[in-house]
């Protein structure tokens, strides 16, 4: 079975590309299950219920989030009832929403998706290593095909979690930094991993933002209102193939020019 993971969808440009191309891309890659990180879909910060429904209609089976989960207030009640849009597990235990999604691939294979935040340079209630074992154990009660979206800043933390989970999950996909890394691999225990899956959105930018705005802030240190860029749109992500036991057999970066 093949699982397609779509990296952080950024702004209107990323959404348009995905809505136009995801169906054909899934068919081309023979992807039986698709996970989309929707963390930046709403003008670069967060997600709205309307946009979540559009991404699901475009072909996402599950949507994951990240550090901008709470940027849009209207998403809070939606997360309380949604089983297909999940948020990182290591926010407060009182926070609304789920961190584990259970789905079924087109060939009938059950698939579990987990969402975690890194602890370095991000605001979390618990470190990911404090609760990941329990989450994986919960997921394994339902299936051995488990994908983890690890939304984290530090390369070292992403590699460490991937190594820690090797042999217990199908894939650990790093997200958040918006620059696709050249280390897609299958680890010795059969867990696929990549440090960062990249960004689905405008690459003629500074990680999605209009370049002149980001540069202006860096040069002057003054507050700047960021706006998503529009040019150089690419769909990026990862394609993971696994066997019936949830063991990854291949892991390849995906990069599709989309305008």
C-alpha atoms as a PDB file:
ATOM      1  CA  UNK A   1       0.000   0.000   0.000  1.00  0.00           C
ATOM      2  CA  UNK A   2       1.121   3.551  -0.707  1.00  0.00           C
ATOM      3  CA  UNK A   3       0.542   6.530   1.573  1.00  0.00           C
ATOM      4  CA  UNK A   4       0.911  10.031   0.166  1.00  0.00           C
ATOM      5  CA  UNK A   5       1.782  12.758   2.651  1.00  0.00           C
ATOM      6  CA  UNK A   6       1.315  16.339   1.457  1.00  0.00           C
ATOM      7  CA  UNK A   7       3.559  18.907   3.145  1.00  0.00           C
ATOM      8  CA  UNK A   8       2.286  22.111   4.780  1.00  0.00           C
ATOM      9  CA  UNK A   9      -0.323  23.729   2.525  1.00  0.00           C
ATOM     10  CA  UNK A  10       0.453  27.455   2.513  1.00  0.00           C
ATOM     11  CA  UNK A  11      -2.147  30.070   1.665  1.00  0.00           C
ATOM     12  CA  UNK A  12      -4.404  30.370  -1.348  1.00  0.00           C
ATOM     13  CA  UNK A  13      -1.696  29.352  -3.810  1.00  0.00           C
ATOM     14  CA  UNK A  14      -1.096  26.069  -2.014  1.00  0.00           C
ATOM     15  CA  UNK A  15      -4.804  25.364  -1.655  1.00  0.00           C
ATOM     16  CA  UNK A  16      -5.503  25.990  -5.335  1.00  0.00           C
ATOM     17  CA  UNK A  17      -2.673  23.727  -6.416  1.00  0.00           C
ATOM     18  CA  UNK A  18      -3.880  20.928  -4.190  1.00  0.00           C
ATOM     19  CA  UNK A  19      -7.523  21.247  -5.162  1.00  0.00           C
ATOM     20  CA  UNK A  20      -6.587  21.176  -8.835  1.00  0.00           C
ATOM     21  CA  UNK A  21      -3.991  18.409  -8.720  1.00  0.00           C
ATOM     22  CA  UNK A  22      -4.459  16.071  -5.749  1.00  0.00           C
ATOM     23  CA  UNK A  23      -6.923  13.694  -7.381  1.00  0.00           C
ATOM     24  CA  UNK A  24      -4.719  13.164 -10.414  1.00  0.00           C
ATOM     25  CA  UNK A  25      -1.594  12.947  -8.262  1.00  0.00           C
ATOM     26  CA  UNK A  26      -3.101  10.217  -6.099  1.00  0.00           C
ATOM     27  CA  UNK A  27      -4.049   8.273  -9.215  1.00  0.00           C
ATOM     28  CA  UNK A  28      -0.626   8.762 -10.787  1.00  0.00           C
ATOM     29  CA  UNK A  29       1.186   7.593  -7.650  1.00  0.00           C
ATOM     30  CA  UNK A  30      -1.389   4.893  -6.842  1.00  0.00           C
ATOM     31  CA  UNK A  31      -1.767   6.309  -3.336  1.00  0.00           C
ATOM     32  CA  UNK A  32      -4.394   4.451  -1.347  1.00  0.00           C
ATOM     33  CA  UNK A  33      -4.325   6.894   1.557  1.00  0.00           C
ATOM     34  CA  UNK A  34      -3.506  10.600   1.772  1.00  0.00           C
ATOM     35  CA  UNK A  35      -2.560  12.794   4.725  1.00  0.00           C
ATOM     36  CA  UNK A  36      -2.362  16.581   4.307  1.00  0.00           C
ATOM     37  CA  UNK A  37      -0.819  19.054   6.732  1.00  0.00           C
ATOM     38  CA  UNK A  38      -3.217  22.011   6.738  1.00  0.00           C
ATOM     39  CA  UNK A  39      -1.369  24.097   9.322  1.00  0.00           C
ATOM     40  CA  UNK A  40      -0.893  27.139   7.070  1.00  0.00           C
ATOM     41  CA  UNK A  41      -3.866  26.846   4.717  1.00  0.00           C
ATOM     42  CA  UNK A  42      -5.673  29.978   5.949  1.00  0.00           C
ATOM     43  CA  UNK A  43      -3.499  32.859   4.716  1.00  0.00           C
ATOM     44  CA  UNK A  44      -0.412  31.181   6.109  1.00  0.00           C
ATOM     45  CA  UNK A  45      -1.671  30.790   9.696  1.00  0.00           C
ATOM     46  CA  UNK A  46      -4.040  28.046  10.785  1.00  0.00           C
ATOM     47  CA  UNK A  47      -7.073  26.422   9.209  1.00  0.00           C
ATOM     48  CA  UNK A  48     -10.801  27.162   9.034  1.00  0.00           C
ATOM     49  CA  UNK A  49     -13.650  24.624   8.930  1.00  0.00           C
ATOM     50  CA  UNK A  50     -14.541  25.690   5.381  1.00  0.00           C
ATOM     51  CA  UNK A  51     -10.983  25.191   4.163  1.00  0.00           C
ATOM     52  CA  UNK A  52     -10.721  21.872   5.979  1.00  0.00           C
ATOM     53  CA  UNK A  53     -13.792  20.619   4.138  1.00  0.00           C
ATOM     54  CA  UNK A  54     -12.314  21.774   0.831  1.00  0.00           C
ATOM     55  CA  UNK A  55      -9.065  19.893   1.459  1.00  0.00           C
ATOM     56  CA  UNK A  56     -10.988  16.762   2.418  1.00  0.00           C
ATOM     57  CA  UNK A  57     -13.129  17.072  -0.709  1.00  0.00           C
ATOM     58  CA  UNK A  58      -9.967  17.454  -2.803  1.00  0.00           C
ATOM     59  CA  UNK A  59      -8.741  14.036  -1.681  1.00  0.00           C
ATOM     60  CA  UNK A  60      -7.261  14.250   1.815  1.00  0.00           C
ATOM     61  CA  UNK A  61      -8.231  11.368   4.089  1.00  0.00           C
ATOM     62  CA  UNK A  62      -6.804  13.047   7.208  1.00  0.00           C
ATOM     63  CA  UNK A  63      -5.624  16.607   7.907  1.00  0.00           C
ATOM     64  CA  UNK A  64      -2.925  17.304  10.481  1.00  0.00           C
ATOM     65  CA  UNK A  65      -2.017  20.605  12.128  1.00  0.00           C
ATOM     66  CA  UNK A  66       0.815  22.230  14.083  1.00  0.00           C
ATOM     67  CA  UNK A  67       1.768  25.264  16.136  1.00  0.00           C
ATOM     68  CA  UNK A  68      -0.864  27.486  14.448  1.00  0.00           C
ATOM     69  CA  UNK A  69      -3.736  25.172  15.420  1.00  0.00           C
ATOM     70  CA  UNK A  70      -5.460  27.853  17.514  1.00  0.00           C
ATOM     71  CA  UNK A  71      -4.889  30.772  15.127  1.00  0.00           C
ATOM     72  CA  UNK A  72      -8.503  30.595  13.888  1.00  0.00           C
ATOM     73  CA  UNK A  73     -11.122  30.555  16.645  1.00  0.00           C
ATOM     74  CA  UNK A  74     -13.784  29.101  14.401  1.00  0.00           C
ATOM     75  CA  UNK A  75     -11.761  25.890  14.141  1.00  0.00           C
ATOM     76  CA  UNK A  76     -12.154  25.072  17.855  1.00  0.00           C
ATOM     77  CA  UNK A  77     -15.742  23.699  17.754  1.00  0.00           C
ATOM     78  CA  UNK A  78     -14.953  21.975  14.469  1.00  0.00           C
ATOM     79  CA  UNK A  79     -12.035  20.125  16.061  1.00  0.00           C
ATOM     80  CA  UNK A  80     -14.299  18.985  18.884  1.00  0.00           C
ATOM     81  CA  UNK A  81     -16.462  17.010  16.461  1.00  0.00           C
ATOM     82  CA  UNK A  82     -14.115  16.140  13.589  1.00  0.00           C
ATOM     83  CA  UNK A  83     -12.597  12.670  13.345  1.00  0.00           C
ATOM     84  CA  UNK A  84     -10.490  13.489  10.272  1.00  0.00           C
ATOM     85  CA  UNK A  85      -8.846  16.761  11.285  1.00  0.00           C
ATOM     86  CA  UNK A  86      -6.433  16.314  14.175  1.00  0.00           C
ATOM     87  CA  UNK A  87      -4.177  18.567  16.245  1.00  0.00           C
ATOM     88  CA  UNK A  88      -0.880  17.878  18.025  1.00  0.00           C
ATOM     89  CA  UNK A  89      -1.178  15.671  21.099  1.00  0.00           C
ATOM     90  CA  UNK A  90       1.123  17.673  23.310  1.00  0.00           C
ATOM     91  CA  UNK A  91      -1.043  20.719  23.853  1.00  0.00           C
ATOM     92  CA  UNK A  92      -2.858  20.833  27.191  1.00  0.00           C
ATOM     93  CA  UNK A  93      -4.815  17.686  27.982  1.00  0.00           C
ATOM     94  CA  UNK A  94      -7.854  19.972  28.320  1.00  0.00           C
ATOM     95  CA  UNK A  95      -7.527  21.293  24.768  1.00  0.00           C
ATOM     96  CA  UNK A  96     -10.311  20.347  22.340  1.00  0.00           C
ATOM     97  CA  UNK A  97      -9.849  17.926  19.493  1.00  0.00           C
ATOM     98  CA  UNK A  98      -8.212  14.605  18.725  1.00  0.00           C
ATOM     99  CA  UNK A  99      -4.591  13.694  18.078  1.00  0.00           C
ATOM    100  CA  UNK A 100      -5.216  10.238  16.619  1.00  0.00           C
ATOM    101  CA  UNK A 101      -7.202   9.633  13.446  1.00  0.00           C
ATOM    102  CA  UNK A 102      -8.231   6.201  12.224  1.00  0.00           C
ATOM    103  CA  UNK A 103      -8.998   5.695   8.560  1.00  0.00           C
ATOM    104  CA  UNK A 104      -9.125   3.046   5.873  1.00  0.00           C
ATOM    105  CA  UNK A 105      -7.097   2.974   2.678  1.00  0.00           C
ATOM    106  CA  UNK A 106      -8.651   2.230  -0.679  1.00  0.00           C
ATOM    107  CA  UNK A 107      -7.539  -1.395  -0.418  1.00  0.00           C
ATOM    108  CA  UNK A 108      -9.214  -1.768   2.987  1.00  0.00           C
ATOM    109  CA  UNK A 109      -6.087  -1.451   5.152  1.00  0.00           C
ATOM    110  CA  UNK A 110      -6.698   0.374   8.448  1.00  0.00           C
ATOM    111  CA  UNK A 111      -4.392   3.380   8.881  1.00  0.00           C
ATOM    112  CA  UNK A 112      -3.684   5.430  12.001  1.00  0.00           C
ATOM    113  CA  UNK A 113      -2.343   8.992  11.908  1.00  0.00           C
ATOM    114  CA  UNK A 114      -0.736  10.721  14.903  1.00  0.00           C
ATOM    115  CA  UNK A 115       0.173  14.405  15.257  1.00  0.00           C
ATOM    116  CA  UNK A 116       2.902  15.771  17.553  1.00  0.00           C
ATOM    117  CA  UNK A 117       4.746  19.051  18.116  1.00  0.00           C
ATOM    118  CA  UNK A 118       8.437  19.340  18.813  1.00  0.00           C
ATOM    119  CA  UNK A 119       9.517  20.796  22.151  1.00  0.00           C
ATOM    120  CA  UNK A 120      12.453  22.906  20.934  1.00  0.00           C
ATOM    121  CA  UNK A 121      11.489  26.544  20.158  1.00  0.00           C
ATOM    122  CA  UNK A 122       7.758  25.726  20.216  1.00  0.00           C
ATOM    123  CA  UNK A 123       5.184  26.150  22.995  1.00  0.00           C
ATOM    124  CA  UNK A 124       4.006  22.742  24.194  1.00  0.00           C
ATOM    125  CA  UNK A 125       2.569  21.408  27.449  1.00  0.00           C
ATOM    126  CA  UNK A 126       4.576  18.180  27.231  1.00  0.00           C
ATOM    127  CA  UNK A 127       7.615  17.047  25.324  1.00  0.00           C
ATOM    128  CA  UNK A 128       6.846  14.574  22.527  1.00  0.00           C
ATOM    129  CA  UNK A 129       8.916  11.806  24.099  1.00  0.00           C
ATOM    130  CA  UNK A 130       6.763  11.968  27.236  1.00  0.00           C
ATOM    131  CA  UNK A 131       3.617  10.754  25.512  1.00  0.00           C
ATOM    132  CA  UNK A 132       4.516   9.232  22.145  1.00  0.00           C
ATOM    133  CA  UNK A 133       4.865   5.678  23.473  1.00  0.00           C
ATOM    134  CA  UNK A 134       1.334   5.741  24.872  1.00  0.00           C
ATOM    135  CA  UNK A 135      -0.059   7.170  21.640  1.00  0.00           C
ATOM    136  CA  UNK A 136       1.658   4.543  19.508  1.00  0.00           C
ATOM    137  CA  UNK A 137       0.368   1.801  21.804  1.00  0.00           C
ATOM    138  CA  UNK A 138      -3.174   3.144  21.366  1.00  0.00           C
ATOM    139  CA  UNK A 139      -2.788   3.223  17.594  1.00  0.00           C
ATOM    140  CA  UNK A 140      -1.381  -0.309  17.480  1.00  0.00           C
ATOM    141  CA  UNK A 141      -4.567  -1.611  19.081  1.00  0.00           C
ATOM    142  CA  UNK A 142      -6.224  -0.809  15.751  1.00  0.00           C
ATOM    143  CA  UNK A 143      -3.508  -1.237  13.114  1.00  0.00           C
ATOM    144  CA  UNK A 144       0.206  -1.618  12.499  1.00  0.00           C
ATOM    145  CA  UNK A 145       0.110   0.945   9.698  1.00  0.00           C
ATOM    146  CA  UNK A 146       0.825   4.172  11.575  1.00  0.00           C
ATOM    147  CA  UNK A 147       2.004   7.538  10.260  1.00  0.00           C
ATOM    148  CA  UNK A 148       3.310  10.261  12.579  1.00  0.00           C
ATOM    149  CA  UNK A 149       3.340  13.928  11.525  1.00  0.00           C
ATOM    150  CA  UNK A 150       6.033  15.465  13.731  1.00  0.00           C
ATOM    151  CA  UNK A 151       5.694  19.239  13.425  1.00  0.00           C
ATOM    152  CA  UNK A 152       9.002  20.452  14.814  1.00  0.00           C
ATOM    153  CA  UNK A 153      11.703  23.071  14.403  1.00  0.00           C
ATOM    154  CA  UNK A 154      14.921  21.238  15.246  1.00  0.00           C
ATOM    155  CA  UNK A 155      16.475  18.716  12.872  1.00  0.00           C
ATOM    156  CA  UNK A 156      18.021  16.865  15.806  1.00  0.00           C
ATOM    157  CA  UNK A 157      14.673  16.368  17.531  1.00  0.00           C
ATOM    158  CA  UNK A 158      13.056  15.087  14.339  1.00  0.00           C
ATOM    159  CA  UNK A 159      15.833  12.582  13.708  1.00  0.00           C
ATOM    160  CA  UNK A 160      15.798  11.472  17.344  1.00  0.00           C
ATOM    161  CA  UNK A 161      12.051  10.769  17.338  1.00  0.00           C
ATOM    162  CA  UNK A 162      12.298   8.893  14.051  1.00  0.00           C
ATOM    163  CA  UNK A 163      15.060   6.717  15.499  1.00  0.00           C
ATOM    164  CA  UNK A 164      13.130   6.156  18.732  1.00  0.00           C
ATOM    165  CA  UNK A 165      10.052   4.961  16.841  1.00  0.00           C
ATOM    166  CA  UNK A 166      11.943   2.825  14.318  1.00  0.00           C
ATOM    167  CA  UNK A 167      10.196  -0.520  13.988  1.00  0.00           C
ATOM    168  CA  UNK A 168       7.035   0.598  15.799  1.00  0.00           C
ATOM    169  CA  UNK A 169       5.405   2.881  13.223  1.00  0.00           C
ATOM    170  CA  UNK A 170       5.295   2.987   9.440  1.00  0.00           C
ATOM    171  CA  UNK A 171       6.561   6.537   8.995  1.00  0.00           C
ATOM    172  CA  UNK A 172       7.709   9.612  10.892  1.00  0.00           C
ATOM    173  CA  UNK A 173       7.270  12.650   8.655  1.00  0.00           C
ATOM    174  CA  UNK A 174       8.844  15.929   9.727  1.00  0.00           C
ATOM    175  CA  UNK A 175       6.957  19.138   8.981  1.00  0.00           C
ATOM    176  CA  UNK A 176       7.048  22.855   9.898  1.00  0.00           C
ATOM    177  CA  UNK A 177      10.221  24.316   8.352  1.00  0.00           C
ATOM    178  CA  UNK A 178       8.843  24.368   4.765  1.00  0.00           C
ATOM    179  CA  UNK A 179      12.125  23.331   3.123  1.00  0.00           C
ATOM    180  CA  UNK A 180      12.155  19.768   1.808  1.00  0.00           C
ATOM    181  CA  UNK A 181      15.185  17.843   3.036  1.00  0.00           C
ATOM    182  CA  UNK A 182      17.195  15.330   1.013  1.00  0.00           C
ATOM    183  CA  UNK A 183      17.070  12.503   3.563  1.00  0.00           C
ATOM    184  CA  UNK A 184      13.950  10.484   2.708  1.00  0.00           C
ATOM    185  CA  UNK A 185      14.823   6.975   3.864  1.00  0.00           C
ATOM    186  CA  UNK A 186      13.689   3.691   5.358  1.00  0.00           C
ATOM    187  CA  UNK A 187      15.425   3.053   8.673  1.00  0.00           C
ATOM    188  CA  UNK A 188      16.790  -0.367   9.698  1.00  0.00           C
ATOM    189  CA  UNK A 189      13.675  -1.281  11.680  1.00  0.00           C
ATOM    190  CA  UNK A 190      11.330  -0.549   8.778  1.00  0.00           C
ATOM    191  CA  UNK A 191      10.159   2.975   9.617  1.00  0.00           C
ATOM    192  CA  UNK A 192      10.219   5.548   6.815  1.00  0.00           C
ATOM    193  CA  UNK A 193      11.424   9.024   7.731  1.00  0.00           C
ATOM    194  CA  UNK A 194      12.229  12.457   6.374  1.00  0.00           C
ATOM    195  CA  UNK A 195      13.373  15.471   8.375  1.00  0.00           C
ATOM    196  CA  UNK A 196      11.036  17.837   6.539  1.00  0.00           C
ATOM    197  CA  UNK A 197       8.524  17.077   3.804  1.00  0.00           C
ATOM    198  CA  UNK A 198       8.624  20.657   2.492  1.00  0.00           C
ATOM    199  CA  UNK A 199       5.787  23.008   1.572  1.00  0.00           C
ATOM    200  CA  UNK A 200       2.845  22.969  -0.794  1.00  0.00           C
ATOM    201  CA  UNK A 201       2.630  26.565  -1.850  1.00  0.00           C
ATOM    202  CA  UNK A 202       4.566  29.529  -3.264  1.00  0.00           C
ATOM    203  CA  UNK A 203       8.303  28.866  -3.302  1.00  0.00           C
ATOM    204  CA  UNK A 204       9.169  32.236  -4.855  1.00  0.00           C
ATOM    205  CA  UNK A 205       9.078  33.519  -1.286  1.00  0.00           C
ATOM    206  CA  UNK A 206      10.633  33.200   2.153  1.00  0.00           C
ATOM    207  CA  UNK A 207       9.051  29.920   3.325  1.00  0.00           C
ATOM    208  CA  UNK A 208       5.705  31.034   1.879  1.00  0.00           C
ATOM    209  CA  UNK A 209       5.735  34.719   2.812  1.00  0.00           C
ATOM    210  CA  UNK A 210       6.318  37.557   0.332  1.00  0.00           C
ATOM    211  CA  UNK A 211      10.092  37.893   0.327  1.00  0.00           C
ATOM    212  CA  UNK A 212      10.296  41.679   0.637  1.00  0.00           C
ATOM    213  CA  UNK A 213       8.194  41.591   3.809  1.00  0.00           C
ATOM    214  CA  UNK A 214      10.329  38.928   5.482  1.00  0.00           C
ATOM    215  CA  UNK A 215      13.533  40.694   4.453  1.00  0.00           C
ATOM    216  CA  UNK A 216      12.217  44.029   5.703  1.00  0.00           C
ATOM    217  CA  UNK A 217      11.501  42.599   9.113  1.00  0.00           C
ATOM    218  CA  UNK A 218      14.924  40.981   9.313  1.00  0.00           C
ATOM    219  CA  UNK A 219      16.717  44.168   8.226  1.00  0.00           C
ATOM    220  CA  UNK A 220      14.867  46.595  10.487  1.00  0.00           C
ATOM    221  CA  UNK A 221      13.617  44.486  13.387  1.00  0.00           C
ATOM    222  CA  UNK A 222      10.275  46.295  13.120  1.00  0.00           C
ATOM    223  CA  UNK A 223       6.904  44.531  13.183  1.00  0.00           C
ATOM    224  CA  UNK A 224       5.660  43.596   9.720  1.00  0.00           C
ATOM    225  CA  UNK A 225       2.325  42.138   8.664  1.00  0.00           C
ATOM    226  CA  UNK A 226       3.181  39.092   6.575  1.00  0.00           C
ATOM    227  CA  UNK A 227       1.236  38.119   3.467  1.00  0.00           C
ATOM    228  CA  UNK A 228       1.444  34.832   1.557  1.00  0.00           C
ATOM    229  CA  UNK A 229       3.314  34.962  -1.735  1.00  0.00           C
ATOM    230  CA  UNK A 230       1.859  33.621  -4.986  1.00  0.00           C
ATOM    231  CA  UNK A 231       4.650  32.579  -7.366  1.00  0.00           C
ATOM    232  CA  UNK A 232       6.662  29.441  -7.937  1.00  0.00           C
ATOM    233  CA  UNK A 233       3.990  27.083  -6.640  1.00  0.00           C
ATOM    234  CA  UNK A 234       4.973  23.488  -5.932  1.00  0.00           C
ATOM    235  CA  UNK A 235       3.281  20.521  -4.320  1.00  0.00           C
ATOM    236  CA  UNK A 236       5.736  18.777  -2.017  1.00  0.00           C
ATOM    237  CA  UNK A 237       5.493  15.769   0.236  1.00  0.00           C
ATOM    238  CA  UNK A 238       6.475  12.141   0.642  1.00  0.00           C
ATOM    239  CA  UNK A 239       5.289   8.836  -0.803  1.00  0.00           C
ATOM    240  CA  UNK A 240       5.668   5.871   1.547  1.00  0.00           C
ATOM    241  CA  UNK A 241       5.080   2.290   0.489  1.00  0.00           C
ATOM    242  CA  UNK A 242       4.511  -0.338   3.152  1.00  0.00           C
ATOM    243  CA  UNK A 243       3.683  -4.012   3.461  1.00  0.00           C
ATOM    244  CA  UNK A 244       0.683  -5.637   5.143  1.00  0.00           C
ATOM    245  CA  UNK A 245       2.468  -5.550   8.501  1.00  0.00           C
ATOM    246  CA  UNK A 246       2.950  -1.780   8.383  1.00  0.00           C
ATOM    247  CA  UNK A 247       6.660  -1.995   7.618  1.00  0.00           C
ATOM    248  CA  UNK A 248       7.871   0.616   5.134  1.00  0.00           C
ATOM    249  CA  UNK A 249       9.532  -0.720   1.998  1.00  0.00           C
ATOM    250  CA  UNK A 250      10.248   2.620   0.294  1.00  0.00           C
ATOM    251  CA  UNK A 251      10.186   6.337   1.033  1.00  0.00           C
ATOM    252  CA  UNK A 252      10.481   8.941  -1.716  1.00  0.00           C
ATOM    253  CA  UNK A 253      10.230  12.717  -1.680  1.00  0.00           C
ATOM    254  CA  UNK A 254       7.497  14.149  -3.922  1.00  0.00           C
ATOM    255  CA  UNK A 255       7.926  17.461  -5.752  1.00  0.00           C
ATOM    256  CA  UNK A 256       5.482  18.624  -8.439  1.00  0.00           C
ATOM    257  CA  UNK A 257       5.658  22.004 -10.168  1.00  0.00           C
ATOM    258  CA  UNK A 258       2.195  23.542 -10.076  1.00  0.00           C
ATOM    259  CA  UNK A 259       2.516  27.088 -11.389  1.00  0.00           C
END
